[in-house]
């Protein structure tokens, strides 16, 4: 969804206090989005590390497809 500059200016609050409130809301949204991205990247990194450790311990899993890997993990978990 593209908004041109004229629409942005038309929708921009005219009152300085309202403008400050709107700016603060946008800053919070941006900060929240950055935090979510940071959490996603940390999760992705963790999953990659765990997968690498798993493959190092069980090299036969490298050649498995998803269904085979899932069955292998279920067997492994059942053998606790």
PDB file of N, CA and C in Angstrom:
ATOM      1  N   UNK A   1       0.842  -1.181   0.000  1.00  0.00           N
ATOM      2  CA  UNK A   1       0.000   0.000   0.000  1.00  0.00           C
ATOM      3  C   UNK A   1       0.882   1.236   0.000  1.00  0.00           C
ATOM      4  N   UNK A   2       0.827   1.986  -1.072  1.00  0.00           N
ATOM      5  CA  UNK A   2       1.630   3.193  -1.179  1.00  0.00           C
ATOM      6  C   UNK A   2       0.766   4.407  -0.881  1.00  0.00           C
ATOM      7  N   UNK A   3       1.346   5.311  -0.119  1.00  0.00           N
ATOM      8  CA  UNK A   3       0.677   6.572   0.198  1.00  0.00           C
ATOM      9  C   UNK A   3       1.587   7.680  -0.314  1.00  0.00           C
ATOM     10  N   UNK A   4       1.029   8.611  -1.039  1.00  0.00           N
ATOM     11  CA  UNK A   4       1.876   9.692  -1.539  1.00  0.00           C
ATOM     12  C   UNK A   4       2.034  10.769  -0.463  1.00  0.00           C
ATOM     13  N   UNK A   5       2.948  11.662  -0.700  1.00  0.00           N
ATOM     14  CA  UNK A   5       3.298  12.693   0.282  1.00  0.00           C
ATOM     15  C   UNK A   5       2.110  13.612   0.582  1.00  0.00           C
ATOM     16  N   UNK A   6       1.280  13.879  -0.408  1.00  0.00           N
ATOM     17  CA  UNK A   6       0.125  14.760  -0.190  1.00  0.00           C
ATOM     18  C   UNK A   6      -0.854  14.146   0.811  1.00  0.00           C
ATOM     19  N   UNK A   7      -1.064  12.829   0.691  1.00  0.00           N
ATOM     20  CA  UNK A   7      -1.957  12.148   1.635  1.00  0.00           C
ATOM     21  C   UNK A   7      -1.370  12.174   3.041  1.00  0.00           C
ATOM     22  N   UNK A   8      -0.062  11.957   3.128  1.00  0.00           N
ATOM     23  CA  UNK A   8       0.584  11.995   4.443  1.00  0.00           C
ATOM     24  C   UNK A   8       0.435  13.369   5.088  1.00  0.00           C
ATOM     25  N   UNK A   9       0.685  14.406   4.318  1.00  0.00           N
ATOM     26  CA  UNK A   9       0.576  15.762   4.853  1.00  0.00           C
ATOM     27  C   UNK A   9      -0.865  16.104   5.221  1.00  0.00           C
ATOM     28  N   UNK A  10      -1.817  15.614   4.436  1.00  0.00           N
ATOM     29  CA  UNK A  10      -3.228  15.896   4.720  1.00  0.00           C
ATOM     30  C   UNK A  10      -3.680  15.204   5.996  1.00  0.00           C
ATOM     31  N   UNK A  11      -3.122  14.019   6.272  1.00  0.00           N
ATOM     32  CA  UNK A  11      -3.521  13.258   7.449  1.00  0.00           C
ATOM     33  C   UNK A  11      -2.681  13.570   8.685  1.00  0.00           C
ATOM     34  N   UNK A  12      -1.664  14.378   8.522  1.00  0.00           N
ATOM     35  CA  UNK A  12      -0.781  14.700   9.635  1.00  0.00           C
ATOM     36  C   UNK A  12      -1.486  15.638  10.621  1.00  0.00           C
ATOM     37  N   UNK A  13      -1.369  15.351  11.916  1.00  0.00           N
ATOM     38  CA  UNK A  13      -2.011  16.232  12.902  1.00  0.00           C
ATOM     39  C   UNK A  13      -1.472  17.657  12.797  1.00  0.00           C
ATOM     40  N   UNK A  14      -2.359  18.604  12.928  1.00  0.00           N
ATOM     41  CA  UNK A  14      -1.965  20.021  12.834  1.00  0.00           C
ATOM     42  C   UNK A  14      -1.533  20.571  14.196  1.00  0.00           C
ATOM     43  N   UNK A  15      -2.149  20.070  15.248  1.00  0.00           N
ATOM     44  CA  UNK A  15      -1.841  20.528  16.597  1.00  0.00           C
ATOM     45  C   UNK A  15      -0.484  19.955  17.027  1.00  0.00           C
ATOM     46  N   UNK A  16       0.426  20.793  17.540  1.00  0.00           N
ATOM     47  CA  UNK A  16       1.748  20.308  17.946  1.00  0.00           C
ATOM     48  C   UNK A  16       1.697  19.194  19.007  1.00  0.00           C
ATOM     49  N   UNK A  17       0.739  19.281  19.922  1.00  0.00           N
ATOM     50  CA  UNK A  17       0.623  18.242  20.944  1.00  0.00           C
ATOM     51  C   UNK A  17       0.177  16.912  20.332  1.00  0.00           C
ATOM     52  N   UNK A  18      -0.773  16.988  19.409  1.00  0.00           N
ATOM     53  CA  UNK A  18      -1.223  15.768  18.720  1.00  0.00           C
ATOM     54  C   UNK A  18      -0.096  15.186  17.880  1.00  0.00           C
ATOM     55  N   UNK A  19       0.687  16.067  17.273  1.00  0.00           N
ATOM     56  CA  UNK A  19       1.815  15.617  16.452  1.00  0.00           C
ATOM     57  C   UNK A  19       2.829  14.876  17.323  1.00  0.00           C
ATOM     58  N   UNK A  20       3.124  15.407  18.493  1.00  0.00           N
ATOM     59  CA  UNK A  20       4.071  14.750  19.407  1.00  0.00           C
ATOM     60  C   UNK A  20       3.545  13.384  19.850  1.00  0.00           C
ATOM     61  N   UNK A  21       2.255  13.307  20.110  1.00  0.00           N
ATOM     62  CA  UNK A  21       1.645  12.033  20.509  1.00  0.00           C
ATOM     63  C   UNK A  21       1.749  11.026  19.366  1.00  0.00           C
ATOM     64  N   UNK A  22       1.439  11.467  18.158  1.00  0.00           N
ATOM     65  CA  UNK A  22       1.518  10.582  16.990  1.00  0.00           C
ATOM     66  C   UNK A  22       2.955  10.121  16.754  1.00  0.00           C
ATOM     67  N   UNK A  23       3.907  11.025  16.903  1.00  0.00           N
ATOM     68  CA  UNK A  23       5.320  10.668  16.733  1.00  0.00           C
ATOM     69  C   UNK A  23       5.744   9.639  17.772  1.00  0.00           C
ATOM     70  N   UNK A  24       5.320   9.842  19.000  1.00  0.00           N
ATOM     71  CA  UNK A  24       5.674   8.897  20.062  1.00  0.00           C
ATOM     72  C   UNK A  24       5.058   7.517  19.805  1.00  0.00           C
ATOM     73  N   UNK A  25       3.818   7.500  19.320  1.00  0.00           N
ATOM     74  CA  UNK A  25       3.184   6.221  18.980  1.00  0.00           C
ATOM     75  C   UNK A  25       3.965   5.509  17.881  1.00  0.00           C
ATOM     76  N   UNK A  26       4.395   6.256  16.871  1.00  0.00           N
ATOM     77  CA  UNK A  26       5.161   5.656  15.782  1.00  0.00           C
ATOM     78  C   UNK A  26       6.522   5.168  16.273  1.00  0.00           C
ATOM     79  N   UNK A  27       7.144   5.927  17.153  1.00  0.00           N
ATOM     80  CA  UNK A  27       8.433   5.486  17.718  1.00  0.00           C
ATOM     81  C   UNK A  27       8.265   4.174  18.481  1.00  0.00           C
ATOM     82  N   UNK A  28       7.154   4.061  19.219  1.00  0.00           N
ATOM     83  CA  UNK A  28       6.900   2.829  19.966  1.00  0.00           C
ATOM     84  C   UNK A  28       6.673   1.657  19.012  1.00  0.00           C
ATOM     85  N   UNK A  29       5.919   1.886  17.943  1.00  0.00           N
ATOM     86  CA  UNK A  29       5.676   0.834  16.949  1.00  0.00           C
ATOM     87  C   UNK A  29       6.997   0.385  16.330  1.00  0.00           C
ATOM     88  N   UNK A  30       7.837   1.349  15.991  1.00  0.00           N
ATOM     89  CA  UNK A  30       9.140   1.013  15.395  1.00  0.00           C
ATOM     90  C   UNK A  30       9.996   0.241  16.390  1.00  0.00           C
ATOM     91  N   UNK A  31      10.011   0.664  17.654  1.00  0.00           N
ATOM     92  CA  UNK A  31      10.785  -0.047  18.673  1.00  0.00           C
ATOM     93  C   UNK A  31      10.254  -1.464  18.871  1.00  0.00           C
ATOM     94  N   UNK A  32       8.940  -1.621  18.887  1.00  0.00           N
ATOM     95  CA  UNK A  32       8.335  -2.958  19.021  1.00  0.00           C
ATOM     96  C   UNK A  32       8.720  -3.850  17.840  1.00  0.00           C
ATOM     97  N   UNK A  33       8.673  -3.288  16.640  1.00  0.00           N
ATOM     98  CA  UNK A  33       9.039  -4.053  15.446  1.00  0.00           C
ATOM     99  C   UNK A  33      10.502  -4.475  15.487  1.00  0.00           C
ATOM    100  N   UNK A  34      11.372  -3.579  15.960  1.00  0.00           N
ATOM    101  CA  UNK A  34      12.793  -3.928  16.086  1.00  0.00           C
ATOM    102  C   UNK A  34      12.983  -5.065  17.090  1.00  0.00           C
ATOM    103  N   UNK A  35      12.267  -5.002  18.195  1.00  0.00           N
ATOM    104  CA  UNK A  35      12.370  -6.053  19.208  1.00  0.00           C
ATOM    105  C   UNK A  35      11.884  -7.388  18.670  1.00  0.00           C
ATOM    106  N   UNK A  36      10.768  -7.370  17.937  1.00  0.00           N
ATOM    107  CA  UNK A  36      10.253  -8.606  17.335  1.00  0.00           C
ATOM    108  C   UNK A  36      11.259  -9.187  16.356  1.00  0.00           C
ATOM    109  N   UNK A  37      11.867  -8.321  15.547  1.00  0.00           N
ATOM    110  CA  UNK A  37      12.865  -8.798  14.584  1.00  0.00           C
ATOM    111  C   UNK A  37      14.074  -9.381  15.314  1.00  0.00           C
ATOM    112  N   UNK A  38      14.481  -8.728  16.384  1.00  0.00           N
ATOM    113  CA  UNK A  38      15.607  -9.223  17.183  1.00  0.00           C
ATOM    114  C   UNK A  38      15.290 -10.605  17.757  1.00  0.00           C
ATOM    115  N   UNK A  39      14.068 -10.785  18.256  1.00  0.00           N
ATOM    116  CA  UNK A  39      13.663 -12.085  18.794  1.00  0.00           C
ATOM    117  C   UNK A  39      13.601 -13.153  17.708  1.00  0.00           C
ATOM    118  N   UNK A  40      13.089 -12.794  16.524  1.00  0.00           N
ATOM    119  CA  UNK A  40      13.034 -13.744  15.407  1.00  0.00           C
ATOM    120  C   UNK A  40      14.435 -14.187  14.997  1.00  0.00           C
ATOM    121  N   UNK A  41      15.358 -13.219  14.914  1.00  0.00           N
ATOM    122  CA  UNK A  41      16.724 -13.552  14.520  1.00  0.00           C
ATOM    123  C   UNK A  41      17.391 -14.434  15.566  1.00  0.00           C
ATOM    124  N   UNK A  42      17.146 -14.161  16.845  1.00  0.00           N
ATOM    125  CA  UNK A  42      17.721 -14.985  17.916  1.00  0.00           C
ATOM    126  C   UNK A  42      17.168 -16.403  17.841  1.00  0.00           C
ATOM    127  N   UNK A  43      15.876 -16.547  17.570  1.00  0.00           N
ATOM    128  CA  UNK A  43      15.260 -17.879  17.448  1.00  0.00           C
ATOM    129  C   UNK A  43      15.837 -18.627  16.254  1.00  0.00           C
ATOM    130  N   UNK A  44      15.952 -17.940  15.121  1.00  0.00           N
ATOM    131  CA  UNK A  44      16.518 -18.573  13.931  1.00  0.00           C
ATOM    132  C   UNK A  44      17.945 -19.034  14.197  1.00  0.00           C
ATOM    133  N   UNK A  45      18.729 -18.200  14.836  1.00  0.00           N
ATOM    134  CA  UNK A  45      20.108 -18.549  15.162  1.00  0.00           C
ATOM    135  C   UNK A  45      20.153 -19.767  16.084  1.00  0.00           C
ATOM    136  N   UNK A  46      19.302 -19.771  17.090  1.00  0.00           N
ATOM    137  CA  UNK A  46      19.246 -20.889  18.038  1.00  0.00           C
ATOM    138  C   UNK A  46      18.855 -22.189  17.326  1.00  0.00           C
ATOM    139  N   UNK A  47      17.836 -22.124  16.458  1.00  0.00           N
ATOM    140  CA  UNK A  47      17.405 -23.311  15.725  1.00  0.00           C
ATOM    141  C   UNK A  47      18.518 -23.842  14.819  1.00  0.00           C
ATOM    142  N   UNK A  48      19.231 -22.950  14.162  1.00  0.00           N
ATOM    143  CA  UNK A  48      20.344 -23.380  13.306  1.00  0.00           C
ATOM    144  C   UNK A  48      21.443 -24.027  14.129  1.00  0.00           C
ATOM    145  N   UNK A  49      21.770 -23.443  15.270  1.00  0.00           N
ATOM    146  CA  UNK A  49      22.799 -24.031  16.144  1.00  0.00           C
ATOM    147  C   UNK A  49      22.375 -25.407  16.637  1.00  0.00           C
ATOM    148  N   UNK A  50      21.139 -25.524  17.085  1.00  0.00           N
ATOM    149  CA  UNK A  50      20.643 -26.807  17.591  1.00  0.00           C
ATOM    150  C   UNK A  50      20.627 -27.859  16.476  1.00  0.00           C
ATOM    151  N   UNK A  51      20.228 -27.452  15.281  1.00  0.00           N
ATOM    152  CA  UNK A  51      20.226 -28.378  14.152  1.00  0.00           C
ATOM    153  C   UNK A  51      21.631 -28.846  13.817  1.00  0.00           C
ATOM    154  N   UNK A  52      22.600 -27.943  13.883  1.00  0.00           N
ATOM    155  CA  UNK A  52      23.982 -28.307  13.590  1.00  0.00           C
ATOM    156  C   UNK A  52      24.514 -29.283  14.643  1.00  0.00           C
ATOM    157  N   UNK A  53      24.181 -29.050  15.891  1.00  0.00           N
ATOM    158  CA  UNK A  53      24.608 -29.960  16.965  1.00  0.00           C
ATOM    159  C   UNK A  53      23.973 -31.331  16.764  1.00  0.00           C
ATOM    160  N   UNK A  54      22.683 -31.344  16.425  1.00  0.00           N
ATOM    161  CA  UNK A  54      21.980 -32.604  16.183  1.00  0.00           C
ATOM    162  C   UNK A  54      22.620 -33.366  15.030  1.00  0.00           C
ATOM    163  N   UNK A  55      22.922 -32.685  13.936  1.00  0.00           N
ATOM    164  CA  UNK A  55      23.554 -33.340  12.796  1.00  0.00           C
ATOM    165  C   UNK A  55      24.957 -33.846  13.139  1.00  0.00           C
ATOM    166  N   UNK A  56      25.664 -33.127  13.991  1.00  0.00           N
ATOM    167  CA  UNK A  56      27.002 -33.572  14.390  1.00  0.00           C
ATOM    168  C   UNK A  56      26.915 -34.843  15.230  1.00  0.00           C
ATOM    169  N   UNK A  57      25.899 -34.928  16.082  1.00  0.00           N
ATOM    170  CA  UNK A  57      25.731 -36.105  16.941  1.00  0.00           C
ATOM    171  C   UNK A  57      25.103 -37.275  16.196  1.00  0.00           C
ATOM    172  N   UNK A  58      24.243 -36.985  15.248  1.00  0.00           N
ATOM    173  CA  UNK A  58      23.536 -38.011  14.472  1.00  0.00           C
ATOM    174  C   UNK A  58      23.680 -37.702  12.979  1.00  0.00           C
ATOM    175  N   UNK A  59      24.836 -38.007  12.384  1.00  0.00           N
ATOM    176  CA  UNK A  59      25.062 -37.639  10.982  1.00  0.00           C
ATOM    177  C   UNK A  59      24.081 -38.283  10.007  1.00  0.00           C
ATOM    178  N   UNK A  60      23.459 -39.379  10.400  1.00  0.00           N
ATOM    179  CA  UNK A  60      22.497 -40.022   9.494  1.00  0.00           C
ATOM    180  C   UNK A  60      21.269 -39.147   9.250  1.00  0.00           C
ATOM    181  N   UNK A  61      21.020 -38.178  10.126  1.00  0.00           N
ATOM    182  CA  UNK A  61      19.852 -37.307   9.956  1.00  0.00           C
ATOM    183  C   UNK A  61      20.017 -36.347   8.781  1.00  0.00           C
ATOM    184  N   UNK A  62      21.243 -36.134   8.322  1.00  0.00           N
ATOM    185  CA  UNK A  62      21.491 -35.187   7.226  1.00  0.00           C
ATOM    186  C   UNK A  62      20.747 -35.618   5.965  1.00  0.00           C
ATOM    187  N   UNK A  63      20.698 -36.913   5.703  1.00  0.00           N
ATOM    188  CA  UNK A  63      20.083 -37.427   4.474  1.00  0.00           C
ATOM    189  C   UNK A  63      18.575 -37.647   4.602  1.00  0.00           C
ATOM    190  N   UNK A  64      18.016 -37.474   5.791  1.00  0.00           N
ATOM    191  CA  UNK A  64      16.587 -37.756   6.021  1.00  0.00           C
ATOM    192  C   UNK A  64      15.709 -36.618   5.509  1.00  0.00           C
ATOM    193  N   UNK A  65      14.508 -36.989   5.038  1.00  0.00           N
ATOM    194  CA  UNK A  65      13.522 -35.956   4.733  1.00  0.00           C
ATOM    195  C   UNK A  65      12.773 -35.624   6.030  1.00  0.00           C
ATOM    196  N   UNK A  66      11.833 -34.708   5.959  1.00  0.00           N
ATOM    197  CA  UNK A  66      11.140 -34.239   7.168  1.00  0.00           C
ATOM    198  C   UNK A  66      10.390 -35.350   7.897  1.00  0.00           C
ATOM    199  N   UNK A  67       9.713 -36.216   7.138  1.00  0.00           N
ATOM    200  CA  UNK A  67       8.943 -37.300   7.763  1.00  0.00           C
ATOM    201  C   UNK A  67       9.878 -38.291   8.458  1.00  0.00           C
ATOM    202  N   UNK A  68      10.972 -38.639   7.801  1.00  0.00           N
ATOM    203  CA  UNK A  68      11.932 -39.560   8.410  1.00  0.00           C
ATOM    204  C   UNK A  68      12.563 -38.939   9.653  1.00  0.00           C
ATOM    205  N   UNK A  69      12.894 -37.669   9.549  1.00  0.00           N
ATOM    206  CA  UNK A  69      13.513 -36.990  10.687  1.00  0.00           C
ATOM    207  C   UNK A  69      12.550 -36.935  11.870  1.00  0.00           C
ATOM    208  N   UNK A  70      11.295 -36.641  11.593  1.00  0.00           N
ATOM    209  CA  UNK A  70      10.288 -36.584  12.644  1.00  0.00           C
ATOM    210  C   UNK A  70      10.140 -37.942  13.324  1.00  0.00           C
ATOM    211  N   UNK A  71      10.091 -39.013  12.538  1.00  0.00           N
ATOM    212  CA  UNK A  71       9.976 -40.359  13.098  1.00  0.00           C
ATOM    213  C   UNK A  71      11.211 -40.688  13.940  1.00  0.00           C
ATOM    214  N   UNK A  72      12.382 -40.303  13.444  1.00  0.00           N
ATOM    215  CA  UNK A  72      13.623 -40.533  14.185  1.00  0.00           C
ATOM    216  C   UNK A  72      13.594 -39.823  15.540  1.00  0.00           C
ATOM    217  N   UNK A  73      13.149 -38.572  15.527  1.00  0.00           N
ATOM    218  CA  UNK A  73      13.096 -37.791  16.771  1.00  0.00           C
ATOM    219  C   UNK A  73      12.076 -38.374  17.747  1.00  0.00           C
ATOM    220  N   UNK A  74      10.952 -38.853  17.229  1.00  0.00           N
ATOM    221  CA  UNK A  74       9.945 -39.463  18.089  1.00  0.00           C
ATOM    222  C   UNK A  74      10.473 -40.733  18.732  1.00  0.00           C
ATOM    223  N   UNK A  75      11.198 -41.550  17.951  1.00  0.00           N
ATOM    224  CA  UNK A  75      11.818 -42.755  18.500  1.00  0.00           C
ATOM    225  C   UNK A  75      12.848 -42.381  19.560  1.00  0.00           C
ATOM    226  N   UNK A  76      13.629 -41.382  19.254  1.00  0.00           N
ATOM    227  CA  UNK A  76      14.657 -40.944  20.195  1.00  0.00           C
ATOM    228  C   UNK A  76      14.035 -40.454  21.493  1.00  0.00           C
ATOM    229  N   UNK A  77      12.956 -39.689  21.385  1.00  0.00           N
ATOM    230  CA  UNK A  77      12.270 -39.168  22.572  1.00  0.00           C
ATOM    231  C   UNK A  77      11.596 -40.282  23.358  1.00  0.00           C
ATOM    232  N   UNK A  78      11.059 -41.288  22.681  1.00  0.00           N
ATOM    233  CA  UNK A  78      10.383 -42.394  23.350  1.00  0.00           C
ATOM    234  C   UNK A  78      11.365 -43.268  24.113  1.00  0.00           C
ATOM    235  N   UNK A  79      12.620 -43.255  23.707  1.00  0.00           N
ATOM    236  CA  UNK A  79      13.622 -44.077  24.353  1.00  0.00           C
ATOM    237  C   UNK A  79      14.247 -43.452  25.581  1.00  0.00           C
ATOM    238  N   UNK A  80      13.664 -42.419  26.092  1.00  0.00           N
ATOM    239  CA  UNK A  80      14.218 -41.732  27.273  1.00  0.00           C
ATOM    240  C   UNK A  80      14.374 -42.661  28.415  1.00  0.00           C
TER     241      UNK A  80
END
